[in-house]
């Protein structure tokens, strides 16, 4: 009985891990740059694996997809 419970718990934890990997891969905020304190620009830049986004202080958000992997920065 204890072995079955341990295997069930391991299966549930592994499903949570796979879900976390999928969520982290889909998120756009892998690299962020906050410029809200700068009164001239007041923008929030963030980049993910698939696109780059800019959010302005007015609430407008613009996202652009990466068209090629060769032009991405090294980090």
PDB file of N, CA and C in Angstrom:
ATOM      1  N   UNK A   1       0.822  -1.195   0.000  1.00  0.00           N
ATOM      2  CA  UNK A   1       0.000   0.000   0.000  1.00  0.00           C
ATOM      3  C   UNK A   1       0.869   1.263   0.000  1.00  0.00           C
ATOM      4  N   UNK A   2       1.944   1.264   0.789  1.00  0.00           N
ATOM      5  CA  UNK A   2       2.817   2.434   0.864  1.00  0.00           C
ATOM      6  C   UNK A   2       3.563   2.648  -0.449  1.00  0.00           C
ATOM      7  N   UNK A   3       3.899   1.546  -1.122  1.00  0.00           N
ATOM      8  CA  UNK A   3       4.606   1.653  -2.400  1.00  0.00           C
ATOM      9  C   UNK A   3       3.697   2.284  -3.444  1.00  0.00           C
ATOM     10  N   UNK A   4       2.435   1.903  -3.473  1.00  0.00           N
ATOM     11  CA  UNK A   4       1.477   2.456  -4.433  1.00  0.00           C
ATOM     12  C   UNK A   4       1.258   3.946  -4.179  1.00  0.00           C
ATOM     13  N   UNK A   5       1.161   4.343  -2.914  1.00  0.00           N
ATOM     14  CA  UNK A   5       0.986   5.759  -2.582  1.00  0.00           C
ATOM     15  C   UNK A   5       2.211   6.565  -2.989  1.00  0.00           C
ATOM     16  N   UNK A   6       3.392   6.003  -2.782  1.00  0.00           N
ATOM     17  CA  UNK A   6       4.630   6.694  -3.157  1.00  0.00           C
ATOM     18  C   UNK A   6       4.731   6.843  -4.680  1.00  0.00           C
ATOM     19  N   UNK A   7       4.340   5.819  -5.402  1.00  0.00           N
ATOM     20  CA  UNK A   7       4.352   5.895  -6.869  1.00  0.00           C
ATOM     21  C   UNK A   7       3.321   6.902  -7.373  1.00  0.00           C
ATOM     22  N   UNK A   8       2.156   6.931  -6.763  1.00  0.00           N
ATOM     23  CA  UNK A   8       1.132   7.910  -7.145  1.00  0.00           C
ATOM     24  C   UNK A   8       1.582   9.336  -6.886  1.00  0.00           C
ATOM     25  N   UNK A   9       2.215   9.552  -5.732  1.00  0.00           N
ATOM     26  CA  UNK A   9       2.729  10.880  -5.412  1.00  0.00           C
ATOM     27  C   UNK A   9       3.831  11.286  -6.388  1.00  0.00           C
ATOM     28  N   UNK A  10       4.705  10.358  -6.735  1.00  0.00           N
ATOM     29  CA  UNK A  10       5.752  10.646  -7.713  1.00  0.00           C
ATOM     30  C   UNK A  10       5.189  10.994  -9.081  1.00  0.00           C
ATOM     31  N   UNK A  11       4.127  10.316  -9.478  1.00  0.00           N
ATOM     32  CA  UNK A  11       3.486  10.601 -10.766  1.00  0.00           C
ATOM     33  C   UNK A  11       2.867  11.995 -10.768  1.00  0.00           C
ATOM     34  N   UNK A  12       2.208  12.369  -9.676  1.00  0.00           N
ATOM     35  CA  UNK A  12       1.590  13.697  -9.588  1.00  0.00           C
ATOM     36  C   UNK A  12       2.660  14.787  -9.608  1.00  0.00           C
ATOM     37  N   UNK A  13       3.741  14.578  -8.891  1.00  0.00           N
ATOM     38  CA  UNK A  13       4.830  15.570  -8.868  1.00  0.00           C
ATOM     39  C   UNK A  13       5.477  15.685 -10.241  1.00  0.00           C
ATOM     40  N   UNK A  14       5.626  14.576 -10.941  1.00  0.00           N
ATOM     41  CA  UNK A  14       6.210  14.639 -12.287  1.00  0.00           C
ATOM     42  C   UNK A  14       5.282  15.367 -13.255  1.00  0.00           C
ATOM     43  N   UNK A  15       3.971  15.193 -13.121  1.00  0.00           N
ATOM     44  CA  UNK A  15       3.028  15.943 -13.962  1.00  0.00           C
ATOM     45  C   UNK A  15       3.104  17.439 -13.680  1.00  0.00           C
ATOM     46  N   UNK A  16       3.263  17.810 -12.408  1.00  0.00           N
ATOM     47  CA  UNK A  16       3.421  19.222 -12.070  1.00  0.00           C
ATOM     48  C   UNK A  16       4.720  19.780 -12.662  1.00  0.00           C
ATOM     49  N   UNK A  17       5.770  18.981 -12.670  1.00  0.00           N
ATOM     50  CA  UNK A  17       7.033  19.412 -13.269  1.00  0.00           C
ATOM     51  C   UNK A  17       6.925  19.625 -14.764  1.00  0.00           C
ATOM     52  N   UNK A  18       6.252  18.724 -15.453  1.00  0.00           N
ATOM     53  CA  UNK A  18       6.065  18.872 -16.906  1.00  0.00           C
ATOM     54  C   UNK A  18       5.213  20.100 -17.198  1.00  0.00           C
ATOM     55  N   UNK A  19       4.183  20.329 -16.387  1.00  0.00           N
ATOM     56  CA  UNK A  19       3.364  21.535 -16.552  1.00  0.00           C
ATOM     57  C   UNK A  19       4.168  22.803 -16.328  1.00  0.00           C
ATOM     58  N   UNK A  20       5.076  22.786 -15.347  1.00  0.00           N
ATOM     59  CA  UNK A  20       5.935  23.941 -15.103  1.00  0.00           C
ATOM     60  C   UNK A  20       6.892  24.201 -16.246  1.00  0.00           C
ATOM     61  N   UNK A  21       7.420  23.145 -16.845  1.00  0.00           N
ATOM     62  CA  UNK A  21       8.320  23.296 -17.994  1.00  0.00           C
ATOM     63  C   UNK A  21       7.574  23.904 -19.177  1.00  0.00           C
ATOM     64  N   UNK A  22       6.373  23.442 -19.429  1.00  0.00           N
ATOM     65  CA  UNK A  22       5.577  23.982 -20.538  1.00  0.00           C
ATOM     66  C   UNK A  22       5.238  25.449 -20.282  1.00  0.00           C
ATOM     67  N   UNK A  23       4.852  25.785 -19.048  1.00  0.00           N
ATOM     68  CA  UNK A  23       4.513  27.168 -18.724  1.00  0.00           C
ATOM     69  C   UNK A  23       5.729  28.080 -18.857  1.00  0.00           C
ATOM     70  N   UNK A  24       6.894  27.637 -18.374  1.00  0.00           N
ATOM     71  CA  UNK A  24       8.097  28.465 -18.453  1.00  0.00           C
ATOM     72  C   UNK A  24       8.548  28.669 -19.895  1.00  0.00           C
ATOM     73  N   UNK A  25       8.369  27.668 -20.746  1.00  0.00           N
ATOM     74  CA  UNK A  25       8.754  27.798 -22.146  1.00  0.00           C
ATOM     75  C   UNK A  25       7.852  28.784 -22.876  1.00  0.00           C
ATOM     76  N   UNK A  26       6.590  28.846 -22.520  1.00  0.00           N
ATOM     77  CA  UNK A  26       5.641  29.725 -23.204  1.00  0.00           C
ATOM     78  C   UNK A  26       5.684  31.167 -22.713  1.00  0.00           C
ATOM     79  N   UNK A  27       6.235  31.418 -21.524  1.00  0.00           N
ATOM     80  CA  UNK A  27       6.240  32.775 -20.965  1.00  0.00           C
ATOM     81  C   UNK A  27       7.155  33.697 -21.743  1.00  0.00           C
ATOM     82  N   UNK A  28       6.782  34.980 -21.768  1.00  0.00           N
ATOM     83  CA  UNK A  28       7.547  35.981 -22.501  1.00  0.00           C
ATOM     84  C   UNK A  28       8.544  36.731 -21.637  1.00  0.00           C
ATOM     85  N   UNK A  29       8.556  36.535 -20.346  1.00  0.00           N
ATOM     86  CA  UNK A  29       9.382  37.358 -19.476  1.00  0.00           C
ATOM     87  C   UNK A  29      10.653  36.638 -19.043  1.00  0.00           C
ATOM     88  N   UNK A  30      11.428  36.162 -20.000  1.00  0.00           N
ATOM     89  CA  UNK A  30      12.726  35.551 -19.706  1.00  0.00           C
ATOM     90  C   UNK A  30      13.762  36.621 -19.433  1.00  0.00           C
ATOM     91  N   UNK A  31      13.681  37.734 -20.115  1.00  0.00           N
ATOM     92  CA  UNK A  31      14.596  38.853 -19.929  1.00  0.00           C
ATOM     93  C   UNK A  31      13.758  40.120 -19.842  1.00  0.00           C
ATOM     94  N   UNK A  32      13.899  40.873 -18.748  1.00  0.00           N
ATOM     95  CA  UNK A  32      13.096  42.080 -18.558  1.00  0.00           C
ATOM     96  C   UNK A  32      13.995  43.286 -18.348  1.00  0.00           C
ATOM     97  N   UNK A  33      13.470  44.447 -18.715  1.00  0.00           N
ATOM     98  CA  UNK A  33      14.157  45.713 -18.496  1.00  0.00           C
ATOM     99  C   UNK A  33      13.089  46.731 -18.114  1.00  0.00           C
ATOM    100  N   UNK A  34      13.155  47.235 -16.888  1.00  0.00           N
ATOM    101  CA  UNK A  34      12.157  48.159 -16.368  1.00  0.00           C
ATOM    102  C   UNK A  34      12.691  49.577 -16.449  1.00  0.00           C
ATOM    103  N   UNK A  35      12.021  50.408 -17.222  1.00  0.00           N
ATOM    104  CA  UNK A  35      12.402  51.815 -17.339  1.00  0.00           C
ATOM    105  C   UNK A  35      11.264  52.728 -16.884  1.00  0.00           C
ATOM    106  N   UNK A  36      10.408  52.257 -15.965  1.00  0.00           N
ATOM    107  CA  UNK A  36       9.293  53.077 -15.484  1.00  0.00           C
ATOM    108  C   UNK A  36       9.774  54.283 -14.681  1.00  0.00           C
ATOM    109  N   UNK A  37      10.910  54.187 -14.014  1.00  0.00           N
ATOM    110  CA  UNK A  37      11.411  55.295 -13.208  1.00  0.00           C
ATOM    111  C   UNK A  37      12.002  56.406 -14.058  1.00  0.00           C
ATOM    112  N   UNK A  38      12.282  56.132 -15.307  1.00  0.00           N
ATOM    113  CA  UNK A  38      12.815  57.136 -16.215  1.00  0.00           C
ATOM    114  C   UNK A  38      11.640  57.929 -16.793  1.00  0.00           C
ATOM    115  N   UNK A  39      11.529  59.219 -16.492  1.00  0.00           N
ATOM    116  CA  UNK A  39      10.357  59.984 -16.967  1.00  0.00           C
ATOM    117  C   UNK A  39      10.354  60.231 -18.465  1.00  0.00           C
ATOM    118  N   UNK A  40      11.479  60.047 -19.140  1.00  0.00           N
ATOM    119  CA  UNK A  40      11.533  60.308 -20.576  1.00  0.00           C
ATOM    120  C   UNK A  40      10.922  59.150 -21.364  1.00  0.00           C
ATOM    121  N   UNK A  41      11.279  57.918 -21.028  1.00  0.00           N
ATOM    122  CA  UNK A  41      10.811  56.769 -21.807  1.00  0.00           C
ATOM    123  C   UNK A  41       9.613  56.077 -21.171  1.00  0.00           C
ATOM    124  N   UNK A  42       9.672  55.713 -19.900  1.00  0.00           N
ATOM    125  CA  UNK A  42       8.597  55.063 -19.150  1.00  0.00           C
ATOM    126  C   UNK A  42       8.060  53.837 -19.891  1.00  0.00           C
ATOM    127  N   UNK A  43       8.934  52.892 -20.182  1.00  0.00           N
ATOM    128  CA  UNK A  43       8.532  51.668 -20.861  1.00  0.00           C
ATOM    129  C   UNK A  43       9.046  50.466 -20.077  1.00  0.00           C
ATOM    130  N   UNK A  44       8.455  49.320 -20.344  1.00  0.00           N
ATOM    131  CA  UNK A  44       8.847  48.051 -19.734  1.00  0.00           C
ATOM    132  C   UNK A  44       9.086  47.068 -20.869  1.00  0.00           C
ATOM    133  N   UNK A  45      10.351  46.687 -21.072  1.00  0.00           N
ATOM    134  CA  UNK A  45      10.723  45.759 -22.146  1.00  0.00           C
ATOM    135  C   UNK A  45      10.851  44.361 -21.572  1.00  0.00           C
ATOM    136  N   UNK A  46      10.314  43.380 -22.267  1.00  0.00           N
ATOM    137  CA  UNK A  46      10.525  41.994 -21.876  1.00  0.00           C
ATOM    138  C   UNK A  46      10.582  41.116 -23.107  1.00  0.00           C
ATOM    139  N   UNK A  47      11.411  40.057 -23.004  1.00  0.00           N
ATOM    140  CA  UNK A  47      11.649  39.164 -24.128  1.00  0.00           C
ATOM    141  C   UNK A  47      11.505  37.730 -23.672  1.00  0.00           C
ATOM    142  N   UNK A  48      11.016  36.915 -24.565  1.00  0.00           N
ATOM    143  CA  UNK A  48      10.905  35.492 -24.318  1.00  0.00           C
ATOM    144  C   UNK A  48      11.638  34.714 -25.389  1.00  0.00           C
ATOM    145  N   UNK A  49      11.347  33.438 -25.472  1.00  0.00           N
ATOM    146  CA  UNK A  49      11.980  32.609 -26.491  1.00  0.00           C
ATOM    147  C   UNK A  49      11.383  32.837 -27.866  1.00  0.00           C
ATOM    148  N   UNK A  50      10.150  33.317 -27.927  1.00  0.00           N
ATOM    149  CA  UNK A  50       9.436  33.373 -29.197  1.00  0.00           C
ATOM    150  C   UNK A  50       9.149  34.779 -29.677  1.00  0.00           C
ATOM    151  N   UNK A  51       9.152  35.793 -28.765  1.00  0.00           N
ATOM    152  CA  UNK A  51       8.845  37.164 -29.182  1.00  0.00           C
ATOM    153  C   UNK A  51       9.393  38.176 -28.184  1.00  0.00           C
ATOM    154  N   UNK A  52       9.400  39.427 -28.605  1.00  0.00           N
ATOM    155  CA  UNK A  52       9.871  40.547 -27.802  1.00  0.00           C
ATOM    156  C   UNK A  52       8.723  41.533 -27.644  1.00  0.00           C
ATOM    157  N   UNK A  53       8.498  42.022 -26.419  1.00  0.00           N
ATOM    158  CA  UNK A  53       7.366  42.905 -26.158  1.00  0.00           C
ATOM    159  C   UNK A  53       7.824  44.188 -25.472  1.00  0.00           C
ATOM    160  N   UNK A  54       7.051  45.259 -25.693  1.00  0.00           N
ATOM    161  CA  UNK A  54       7.277  46.561 -25.068  1.00  0.00           C
ATOM    162  C   UNK A  54       5.947  47.027 -24.509  1.00  0.00           C
ATOM    163  N   UNK A  55       5.932  47.365 -23.217  1.00  0.00           N
ATOM    164  CA  UNK A  55       4.728  47.899 -22.583  1.00  0.00           C
ATOM    165  C   UNK A  55       5.013  49.329 -22.157  1.00  0.00           C
ATOM    166  N   UNK A  56       4.179  50.268 -22.604  1.00  0.00           N
ATOM    167  CA  UNK A  56       4.358  51.671 -22.265  1.00  0.00           C
ATOM    168  C   UNK A  56       3.582  52.006 -20.995  1.00  0.00           C
ATOM    169  N   UNK A  57       3.869  53.175 -20.440  1.00  0.00           N
ATOM    170  CA  UNK A  57       3.194  53.584 -19.212  1.00  0.00           C
ATOM    171  C   UNK A  57       1.704  53.820 -19.427  1.00  0.00           C
ATOM    172  N   UNK A  58       1.288  54.048 -20.659  1.00  0.00           N
ATOM    173  CA  UNK A  58      -0.126  54.249 -20.959  1.00  0.00           C
ATOM    174  C   UNK A  58      -0.909  52.938 -20.952  1.00  0.00           C
ATOM    175  N   UNK A  59      -0.211  51.800 -20.932  1.00  0.00           N
ATOM    176  CA  UNK A  59      -0.872  50.503 -20.926  1.00  0.00           C
ATOM    177  C   UNK A  59      -0.834  49.801 -22.264  1.00  0.00           C
ATOM    178  N   UNK A  60      -0.357  50.469 -23.295  1.00  0.00           N
ATOM    179  CA  UNK A  60      -0.267  49.879 -24.627  1.00  0.00           C
ATOM    180  C   UNK A  60       0.884  48.886 -24.679  1.00  0.00           C
ATOM    181  N   UNK A  61       0.627  47.690 -25.189  1.00  0.00           N
ATOM    182  CA  UNK A  61       1.649  46.651 -25.313  1.00  0.00           C
ATOM    183  C   UNK A  61       1.788  46.251 -26.772  1.00  0.00           C
ATOM    184  N   UNK A  62       3.027  46.198 -27.237  1.00  0.00           N
ATOM    185  CA  UNK A  62       3.316  45.768 -28.604  1.00  0.00           C
ATOM    186  C   UNK A  62       4.297  44.608 -28.559  1.00  0.00           C
ATOM    187  N   UNK A  63       3.947  43.506 -29.203  1.00  0.00           N
ATOM    188  CA  UNK A  63       4.807  42.328 -29.246  1.00  0.00           C
ATOM    189  C   UNK A  63       5.148  42.008 -30.695  1.00  0.00           C
ATOM    190  N   UNK A  64       6.402  41.647 -30.905  1.00  0.00           N
ATOM    191  CA  UNK A  64       6.861  41.260 -32.234  1.00  0.00           C
ATOM    192  C   UNK A  64       7.534  39.897 -32.146  1.00  0.00           C
ATOM    193  N   UNK A  65       7.160  39.011 -33.043  1.00  0.00           N
ATOM    194  CA  UNK A  65       7.733  37.665 -33.061  1.00  0.00           C
ATOM    195  C   UNK A  65       9.119  37.705 -33.680  1.00  0.00           C
ATOM    196  N   UNK A  66       9.965  36.802 -33.237  1.00  0.00           N
ATOM    197  CA  UNK A  66      11.276  36.654 -33.858  1.00  0.00           C
ATOM    198  C   UNK A  66      11.102  35.881 -35.151  1.00  0.00           C
ATOM    199  N   UNK A  67      11.634  36.428 -36.240  1.00  0.00           N
ATOM    200  CA  UNK A  67      11.490  35.776 -37.530  1.00  0.00           C
ATOM    201  C   UNK A  67      12.650  34.833 -37.825  1.00  0.00           C
ATOM    202  N   UNK A  68      13.773  35.017 -37.135  1.00  0.00           N
ATOM    203  CA  UNK A  68      14.926  34.156 -37.340  1.00  0.00           C
ATOM    204  C   UNK A  68      15.662  33.993 -36.025  1.00  0.00           C
ATOM    205  N   UNK A  69      16.263  32.854 -35.821  1.00  0.00           N
ATOM    206  CA  UNK A  69      17.042  32.618 -34.621  1.00  0.00           C
ATOM    207  C   UNK A  69      18.463  33.155 -34.749  1.00  0.00           C
ATOM    208  N   UNK A  70      18.906  33.482 -35.943  1.00  0.00           N
ATOM    209  CA  UNK A  70      20.273  33.930 -36.173  1.00  0.00           C
ATOM    210  C   UNK A  70      20.509  35.351 -35.713  1.00  0.00           C
ATOM    211  N   UNK A  71      19.468  36.174 -35.648  1.00  0.00           N
ATOM    212  CA  UNK A  71      19.629  37.567 -35.295  1.00  0.00           C
ATOM    213  C   UNK A  71      19.432  37.872 -33.816  1.00  0.00           C
ATOM    214  N   UNK A  72      19.275  36.861 -32.974  1.00  0.00           N
ATOM    215  CA  UNK A  72      19.039  37.090 -31.557  1.00  0.00           C
ATOM    216  C   UNK A  72      20.336  37.431 -30.844  1.00  0.00           C
ATOM    217  N   UNK A  73      20.240  38.205 -29.734  1.00  0.00           N
ATOM    218  CA  UNK A  73      21.452  38.509 -28.970  1.00  0.00           C
ATOM    219  C   UNK A  73      21.994  37.250 -28.295  1.00  0.00           C
ATOM    220  N   UNK A  74      23.255  37.300 -27.884  1.00  0.00           N
ATOM    221  CA  UNK A  74      23.941  36.114 -27.361  1.00  0.00           C
ATOM    222  C   UNK A  74      23.440  35.672 -26.013  1.00  0.00           C
ATOM    223  N   UNK A  75      22.921  36.572 -25.192  1.00  0.00           N
ATOM    224  CA  UNK A  75      22.494  36.164 -23.856  1.00  0.00           C
ATOM    225  C   UNK A  75      21.242  35.364 -23.940  1.00  0.00           C
TER     226      UNK A  75
END
